[in-house]
Protein backbone atom coordinates (compact mmCIF):
# COMPACT_ATOMS: atom_id res chain seq x y z
CA MET A 1 -0.19 -0.11 0.07
CA ARG A 2 1.20 3.34 -0.88
CA VAL A 3 0.15 6.50 1.19
CA ILE A 4 0.68 9.87 -0.36
CA LYS A 5 0.13 13.10 1.71
CA GLY A 6 -1.16 15.97 0.16
CA GLN A 7 -4.46 17.99 -0.98
CA ALA A 8 -6.36 15.81 -3.51
CA LYS A 9 -8.75 17.06 -6.10
CA PHE A 10 -10.31 15.33 -9.04
CA LYS A 11 -8.97 16.49 -12.64
CA ASN A 12 -11.45 14.68 -14.46
CA ARG A 13 -13.93 11.55 -14.12
CA ARG A 14 -11.06 9.00 -13.50
CA THR A 15 -8.15 11.17 -12.63
CA VAL A 16 -7.16 12.50 -9.04
CA VAL A 17 -4.08 15.15 -8.61
CA VAL A 18 -2.15 15.31 -5.44
CA GLY A 19 -0.39 18.48 -4.82
CA LYS A 20 1.20 19.82 -8.09
CA ASP A 21 2.97 16.61 -9.44
CA VAL A 22 1.21 13.44 -8.63
CA GLU A 23 -1.67 12.26 -10.95
CA ILE A 24 -3.65 9.02 -10.00
CA ARG A 25 -5.76 7.51 -12.53
CA ALA A 26 -7.88 4.56 -11.59
CA ARG A 27 -10.82 2.34 -12.16
CA ARG A 28 -12.48 3.14 -8.78
CA PHE A 29 -12.16 6.04 -6.24
CA VAL A 30 -13.59 6.27 -2.76
CA ILE A 31 -14.07 9.56 -0.98
CA ALA A 32 -13.93 9.39 2.66
CA THR A 33 -13.21 13.00 3.90
CA GLY A 34 -15.25 12.89 6.86
CA SER A 35 -16.80 15.88 8.19
CA VAL A 36 -16.01 19.20 10.48
CA PRO A 37 -18.05 20.83 12.93
CA ALA A 38 -20.83 22.80 11.88
CA LEU A 39 -21.14 26.33 13.15
CA PRO A 40 -24.45 28.02 13.20
CA PRO A 41 -24.70 31.86 11.80
CA ILE A 42 -24.73 33.20 15.32
CA PRO A 43 -24.01 37.10 15.34
CA GLY A 44 -20.61 37.56 17.23
CA LEU A 45 -19.74 33.87 17.49
CA ASP A 46 -16.74 34.09 15.40
CA GLU A 47 -15.58 37.21 17.05
CA GLY A 48 -13.78 35.28 19.99
CA PRO A 49 -12.80 31.94 21.07
CA TYR A 50 -15.22 28.88 21.12
CA LEU A 51 -14.96 25.14 21.50
CA THR A 52 -16.27 22.33 19.27
CA ASN A 53 -16.07 18.59 20.20
CA GLU A 54 -12.63 18.58 18.19
CA SER A 55 -10.95 21.22 20.38
CA VAL A 56 -12.85 20.99 23.74
CA PHE A 57 -10.45 18.21 24.69
CA ASP A 58 -7.30 20.41 24.42
CA LEU A 59 -8.25 22.42 27.33
CA THR A 60 -6.11 22.42 30.49
CA GLU A 61 -7.95 24.27 33.00
CA LEU A 62 -11.43 23.32 33.89
CA PRO A 63 -13.99 26.39 33.08
CA GLY A 64 -15.93 27.35 36.03
CA ARG A 65 -19.04 27.85 34.02
CA LEU A 66 -19.66 26.34 30.62
CA ILE A 67 -22.27 27.16 27.99
CA ILE A 68 -23.03 24.57 25.44
CA ILE A 69 -25.03 25.34 22.37
CA GLY A 70 -26.74 22.08 21.03
CA ALA A 71 -28.28 19.28 23.01
CA GLY A 72 -27.74 16.37 20.92
CA PRO A 73 -25.61 13.38 21.90
CA ILE A 74 -22.48 15.40 21.78
CA GLY A 75 -23.49 18.31 23.69
CA LEU A 76 -25.20 16.50 26.48
CA GLU A 77 -22.22 13.81 26.95
CA MET A 78 -19.97 17.04 27.38
CA ALA A 79 -22.54 18.39 29.52
CA GLN A 80 -22.51 15.76 31.92
CA ALA A 81 -18.72 15.00 31.92
CA PHE A 82 -17.91 18.88 32.86
CA ARG A 83 -20.60 18.84 35.17
CA ARG A 84 -19.09 15.92 37.07
CA LEU A 85 -15.82 17.45 37.00
CA GLY A 86 -17.13 20.57 38.74
CA SER A 87 -18.10 23.06 36.17
CA GLU A 88 -21.61 24.72 36.18
CA VAL A 89 -23.20 24.08 32.95
CA THR A 90 -26.10 25.32 30.77
CA VAL A 91 -27.25 23.82 27.54
CA LEU A 92 -29.19 25.78 24.87
CA GLU A 93 -31.20 23.97 22.28
CA ALA A 94 -33.40 25.36 19.83
CA ALA A 95 -35.81 22.29 19.24
CA MET A 96 -36.02 19.23 21.80
CA PRO A 97 -32.76 17.64 23.58
CA LEU A 98 -32.12 14.17 21.94
CA ALA A 99 -34.76 14.78 19.52
CA LYS A 100 -33.65 11.85 17.18
CA ASP A 101 -34.06 9.48 20.13
CA ASP A 102 -37.16 7.76 21.68
CA PRO A 103 -38.30 10.58 23.85
CA GLU A 104 -39.62 8.22 26.70
CA CYS A 105 -36.23 7.12 27.01
CA ALA A 106 -34.52 10.24 26.49
CA ALA A 107 -36.33 11.50 29.26
CA ILE A 108 -34.78 9.39 31.56
CA VAL A 109 -31.40 10.67 30.51
CA LEU A 110 -32.67 14.20 30.93
CA ASP A 111 -33.83 13.67 34.17
CA GLN A 112 -30.73 12.29 35.47
CA LEU A 113 -28.78 15.41 34.05
CA GLU A 114 -31.05 17.70 35.61
CA ARG A 115 -30.70 15.85 39.23
CA GLU A 116 -26.83 16.38 38.63
CA GLY A 117 -27.38 20.09 38.07
CA VAL A 118 -27.03 20.44 34.32
CA VAL A 119 -29.24 23.41 33.18
CA VAL A 120 -31.06 22.42 29.70
CA ARG A 121 -32.94 25.08 28.27
CA SER A 122 -34.83 24.00 25.39
CA GLY A 123 -37.02 25.49 22.67
CA VAL A 124 -34.99 28.65 22.68
CA LYS A 125 -33.07 30.65 19.85
CA VAL A 126 -29.68 31.78 20.21
CA ALA A 127 -29.65 35.61 19.42
CA ARG A 128 -26.07 36.50 19.63
CA VAL A 129 -22.85 36.00 21.33
CA LYS A 130 -20.67 38.51 23.08
CA HIS A 131 -16.89 37.87 23.82
CA ALA A 132 -14.90 39.52 26.58
CA SER A 133 -11.55 39.13 28.38
CA GLY A 134 -11.79 35.79 29.95
CA SER A 135 -15.72 35.29 29.59
CA VAL A 136 -18.36 34.89 27.17
CA ALA A 137 -22.19 35.87 27.02
CA VAL A 138 -24.79 34.32 25.07
CA THR A 139 -28.32 36.02 24.53
CA PHE A 140 -31.20 33.82 23.67
CA GLU A 141 -34.84 34.10 22.97
CA GLY A 142 -37.25 32.06 24.98
CA ALA A 143 -40.97 31.76 25.88
CA ASP A 144 -40.24 34.39 28.47
CA GLY A 145 -38.32 36.90 26.14
CA GLU A 146 -34.75 37.44 25.73
CA GLU A 147 -32.39 36.12 28.36
CA THR A 148 -28.40 36.26 28.65
CA VAL A 149 -26.33 33.62 30.27
CA GLU A 150 -22.68 34.19 31.03
CA GLY A 151 -19.89 31.62 31.32
CA GLY A 152 -16.11 31.20 30.86
CA ARG A 153 -16.15 29.14 27.84
CA LEU A 154 -18.52 28.30 25.02
CA LEU A 155 -18.78 24.81 23.35
CA VAL A 156 -20.64 24.77 19.93
CA ALA A 157 -22.09 21.46 19.48
CA THR A 158 -24.64 21.62 16.80
CA GLY A 159 -23.67 18.82 14.62
CA ARG A 160 -21.26 18.55 11.83
CA LYS A 161 -20.99 19.24 8.12
CA PRO A 162 -19.38 17.02 5.16
CA THR A 163 -15.79 18.14 4.01
CA THR A 164 -16.13 18.76 0.10
CA ASP A 165 -14.20 21.82 -0.12
CA GLY A 166 -11.21 21.72 -2.34
CA LEU A 167 -12.11 18.36 -4.18
CA ASP A 168 -13.16 19.69 -7.36
CA LEU A 169 -16.13 17.54 -7.69
CA GLU A 170 -17.72 19.10 -10.58
CA ALA A 171 -14.65 18.16 -12.64
CA ALA A 172 -15.48 14.38 -12.11
CA ARG A 173 -19.02 15.10 -12.39
CA ILE A 174 -20.13 14.31 -9.01
CA LYS A 175 -22.96 15.72 -7.57
CA TYR A 176 -23.19 17.25 -4.11
CA ASP A 177 -25.07 19.64 -1.85
CA ARG A 178 -24.72 21.11 1.80
CA LEU A 179 -25.76 17.60 2.97
CA GLY A 180 -22.84 15.99 1.26
CA ILE A 181 -22.11 13.85 -1.85
CA ARG A 182 -25.15 12.27 -3.21
CA VAL A 183 -24.91 8.68 -3.27
CA ASN A 184 -27.17 5.54 -4.42
CA LYS A 185 -27.59 2.50 -2.27
CA LYS A 186 -24.35 0.99 -3.44
CA LEU A 187 -22.79 4.18 -2.16
CA LYS A 188 -21.97 5.03 -5.58
CA THR A 189 -21.89 8.80 -6.47
CA ALA A 190 -23.13 10.42 -10.06
CA ASN A 191 -19.91 9.16 -11.31
CA GLY A 192 -20.16 5.46 -11.12
CA ARG A 193 -16.38 4.99 -10.78
CA VAL A 194 -16.49 6.89 -7.57
CA TYR A 195 -17.72 5.79 -4.06
CA ALA A 196 -18.52 8.13 -1.03
CA ILE A 197 -18.73 6.90 2.42
CA GLY A 198 -18.94 7.97 5.98
CA ASP A 199 -19.90 11.46 6.85
CA VAL A 200 -19.33 12.89 3.55
CA ALA A 201 -22.07 10.87 2.07
CA ALA A 202 -25.29 12.61 2.16
CA GLY A 203 -28.29 10.84 3.81
CA GLN A 204 -25.95 8.54 6.06
CA LEU A 205 -25.65 8.25 9.65
CA GLN A 206 -22.58 10.31 10.90
CA PHE A 207 -20.91 7.63 13.00
CA THR A 208 -17.38 5.91 13.10
CA HIS A 209 -19.06 2.45 12.87
CA ALA A 210 -21.40 3.56 10.21
CA ALA A 211 -18.25 4.39 8.01
CA ASN A 212 -16.68 1.17 8.90
CA TYR A 213 -19.87 -0.52 7.73
CA HIS A 214 -19.84 1.41 4.52
CA ALA A 215 -16.00 0.39 3.85
CA GLY A 216 -17.17 -3.00 4.12
CA LEU A 217 -19.87 -2.45 1.48
CA VAL A 218 -17.73 -0.94 -1.04
CA ILE A 219 -14.90 -3.56 -0.79
CA ARG A 220 -17.55 -6.27 -1.53
CA ASN A 221 -19.05 -4.29 -4.42
CA ALA A 222 -15.69 -2.70 -6.01
CA LEU A 223 -13.32 -5.52 -5.70
CA PHE A 224 -15.73 -8.54 -5.82
CA ARG A 225 -18.71 -7.15 -7.86
CA LEU A 226 -20.87 -8.48 -4.92
CA PRO A 227 -24.25 -7.06 -4.77
CA VAL A 228 -24.63 -4.83 -1.87
CA LYS A 229 -27.20 -2.19 -0.54
CA VAL A 230 -26.71 0.11 2.29
CA ASN A 231 -29.28 -0.29 5.12
CA ASN A 232 -29.37 2.63 7.74
CA GLY A 233 -31.97 0.79 9.70
CA VAL A 234 -29.51 -1.74 11.13
CA VAL A 235 -27.10 0.91 12.23
CA PRO A 236 -27.27 1.32 16.12
CA TRP A 237 -26.15 4.39 17.79
CA VAL A 238 -25.23 5.44 21.46
CA THR A 239 -25.45 8.44 23.35
CA TYR A 240 -22.56 7.92 26.13
CA THR A 241 -24.13 9.68 29.06
CA ASP A 242 -24.88 8.00 32.45
CA PRO A 243 -27.26 6.06 31.96
CA GLU A 244 -26.53 5.25 28.43
CA LEU A 245 -29.01 5.56 25.70
CA ALA A 246 -28.90 3.18 22.75
CA GLN A 247 -31.09 2.93 19.76
CA THR A 248 -31.24 0.29 16.74
CA GLY A 249 -34.08 -0.01 14.06
CA LEU A 250 -37.28 2.04 14.43
CA THR A 251 -38.31 4.16 17.34
CA GLU A 252 -41.92 3.79 18.49
CA ALA A 253 -42.85 7.21 16.76
CA GLN A 254 -41.26 6.08 13.19
CA ALA A 255 -42.89 2.62 13.22
CA ARG A 256 -46.17 4.26 13.86
CA LYS A 257 -45.68 7.09 11.18
CA ARG A 258 -45.00 4.10 8.91
CA GLY A 259 -48.22 2.73 9.79
CA ILE A 260 -46.95 -0.43 11.33
CA LYS A 261 -49.25 -2.32 13.73
CA ILE A 262 -47.06 -2.53 16.69
CA ARG A 263 -46.82 -3.98 20.34
CA ILE A 264 -44.20 -2.41 22.79
CA LEU A 265 -42.48 -4.73 25.25
CA ARG A 266 -40.61 -3.23 28.17
CA TRP A 267 -38.63 -4.65 31.16
CA PRO A 268 -36.88 -2.64 33.87
CA TYR A 269 -33.28 -2.81 34.76
CA HIS A 270 -34.54 -2.87 38.88
CA ASP A 271 -36.02 -6.21 38.31
CA ASN A 272 -32.71 -7.86 36.94
CA ASP A 273 -30.35 -9.39 39.61
CA ARG A 274 -27.04 -8.19 38.09
CA ALA A 275 -28.23 -4.54 37.91
CA GLN A 276 -29.46 -4.93 41.57
CA ALA A 277 -26.04 -6.20 42.64
CA GLU A 278 -23.94 -3.35 40.89
CA ARG A 279 -26.67 -0.91 41.75
CA GLU A 280 -27.30 0.14 38.35
CA THR A 281 -31.21 -0.19 38.47
CA HIS A 282 -32.20 2.84 36.60
CA GLY A 283 -33.54 2.31 33.26
CA HIS A 284 -35.16 -0.16 30.94
CA ILE A 285 -35.43 -1.93 27.71
CA LYS A 286 -38.07 -0.94 24.89
CA VAL A 287 -38.69 -3.34 22.07
CA ILE A 288 -41.12 -2.67 19.09
CA VAL A 289 -42.59 -5.77 17.25
CA ASN A 290 -45.34 -5.59 14.57
CA SER A 291 -48.30 -7.77 14.77
CA LYS A 292 -46.56 -11.05 13.89
CA GLY A 293 -43.79 -10.47 16.49
CA LYS A 294 -41.24 -9.53 14.00
CA ILE A 295 -38.73 -7.05 15.95
CA VAL A 296 -38.40 -3.82 14.17
CA GLY A 297 -36.73 -1.49 16.58
CA THR A 298 -35.12 -1.14 20.32
CA THR A 299 -34.25 1.28 22.66
CA ILE A 300 -32.25 0.76 25.80
CA VAL A 301 -31.43 3.25 28.58
CA GLY A 302 -29.52 2.19 31.32
CA ALA A 303 -26.10 0.60 32.15
CA GLN A 304 -23.85 -0.83 29.37
CA ALA A 305 -27.12 0.04 27.17
CA GLY A 306 -24.20 0.34 24.22
CA GLU A 307 -22.97 -3.37 24.79
CA LEU A 308 -26.62 -4.59 25.12
CA ILE A 309 -27.72 -3.21 21.80
CA ALA A 310 -25.58 -5.47 19.93
CA MET A 311 -27.97 -8.55 20.21
CA TRP A 312 -31.21 -6.30 19.03
CA THR A 313 -28.90 -5.02 16.01
CA LEU A 314 -28.36 -8.65 14.81
CA ALA A 315 -32.03 -9.57 15.45
CA ILE A 316 -33.28 -6.76 13.33
CA ALA A 317 -30.63 -7.04 10.54
CA GLN A 318 -31.61 -10.88 10.33
CA GLY A 319 -35.24 -10.17 10.47
CA LEU A 320 -35.89 -12.14 13.62
CA ASN A 321 -39.02 -12.72 15.25
CA VAL A 322 -39.16 -12.06 19.05
CA ARG A 323 -39.72 -15.61 19.92
CA SER A 324 -36.00 -16.26 18.73
CA LEU A 325 -35.20 -14.18 21.71
CA THR A 326 -37.11 -15.97 24.16
CA GLY A 327 -35.37 -19.35 23.35
CA ILE A 328 -31.62 -18.07 23.74
CA ILE A 329 -29.92 -19.40 26.76
CA LEU A 330 -28.07 -16.48 28.57
CA PRO A 331 -25.50 -16.56 31.50
CA TYR A 332 -27.03 -15.79 34.92
CA PRO A 333 -26.53 -13.26 36.30
CA THR A 334 -26.09 -10.68 33.54
CA LEU A 335 -28.01 -7.60 32.18
CA SER A 336 -28.41 -9.31 28.91
CA GLU A 337 -31.36 -11.04 30.68
CA ILE A 338 -33.23 -7.79 30.66
CA GLY A 339 -33.64 -8.12 26.85
CA LYS A 340 -34.84 -11.82 27.24
CA ARG A 341 -37.42 -10.87 29.93
CA ALA A 342 -38.87 -8.40 27.60
CA ALA A 343 -39.23 -10.75 24.98
CA ILE A 344 -40.79 -13.32 26.94
CA ASP A 345 -43.24 -10.69 28.08
CA TYR A 346 -44.65 -11.00 24.46
CA PHE A 347 -46.29 -14.14 25.15
CA THR A 348 -47.61 -13.21 28.69
CA PRO A 349 -51.21 -12.35 27.51
CA SER A 350 -51.72 -15.55 25.70
CA LEU A 351 -51.10 -17.33 28.94
CA THR A 352 -54.34 -15.95 30.52
CA SER A 353 -56.35 -16.46 27.51
CA PRO A 354 -59.73 -18.89 28.16
CA TRP A 355 -58.54 -20.99 25.07
CA VAL A 356 -54.90 -21.66 26.27
CA ARG A 357 -56.79 -22.50 29.82
CA ARG A 358 -59.14 -24.65 28.40
CA MET A 359 -56.19 -26.50 26.35
CA ILE A 360 -54.02 -26.85 29.69
CA THR A 361 -56.78 -28.30 31.39
CA TRP A 362 -57.62 -30.82 28.60
CA LEU A 363 -54.06 -31.94 28.54
CA ARG A 364 -54.14 -32.72 32.29
CA ILE A 365 -56.36 -35.41 31.52
CA PHE A 366 -53.45 -37.38 30.07
CA GLY A 367 -51.27 -36.71 32.98
């Protein structure tokens, strides 16, 4: 493998130029340029220092008061971390915190943050930022009018935008917009010789593990000509707060919007022996199944949710029925039993039906 360091750009549909001297002509190209923090057009923001998820780890001193714009996963993960380190933290969000997650389960995370002292102001619009020596003031508009919060540092956590600048995509006849490079289900661009994967691909989930998934699809298709089709429905995501919040497949709201007739299965952490032993009894699992018991989505909020979601991701990817999870043998005591108990709960109503009771009575005749 040869690695060439330098700025790359397309010369034409099948040629890439690196720097001034190196030209690469190939049958296939893969664009994996990732993304950078997206900065909202807030007056005064760029007139002084601010942090992003990339620069926040360069801090050498703990801010006494931290203001965070954005209550998505990154914003809330950082909010809890800095609060536990000792900072006073205020989070400002224009919409709903953790808007992409199941609101029932997200509420448990938000309640925990509130108990720890993180102030989350949702439904507010940031009007302007004013920097001063060693401090920053953020003015926002809410239901009660205009307010201002002051702090020592400002963290902007309002998402990320694809890195497409300088690639000369037009020269390769590759279509793109502010959301990234347009790709089909095979992750091919408008130029059939070029793939785009990861954060730079429009319409895809912006996670490291999603990019790894894309890479595997491209290798199978480009090198071995195997048929592939990207399926974002089997890509899980986790918010690494305490408790963790993990999601795979459809949420309840998404399933209902699609017109799927669903049943909801739940099981709490506090009824699990391992959770009791480790004093991690806060949270539950929520499983969405269709009328025939096929698993279409799962949300877990609680300890090690990011680990526990793996089994449910596999179940959805394989199109399994919840019955498959009731028969699995799990080691005791483990948190994974929470999921199995939720699966068993699917059959609980049938055990009390008159027909089943009559059948059991009839079978007793035969001993």
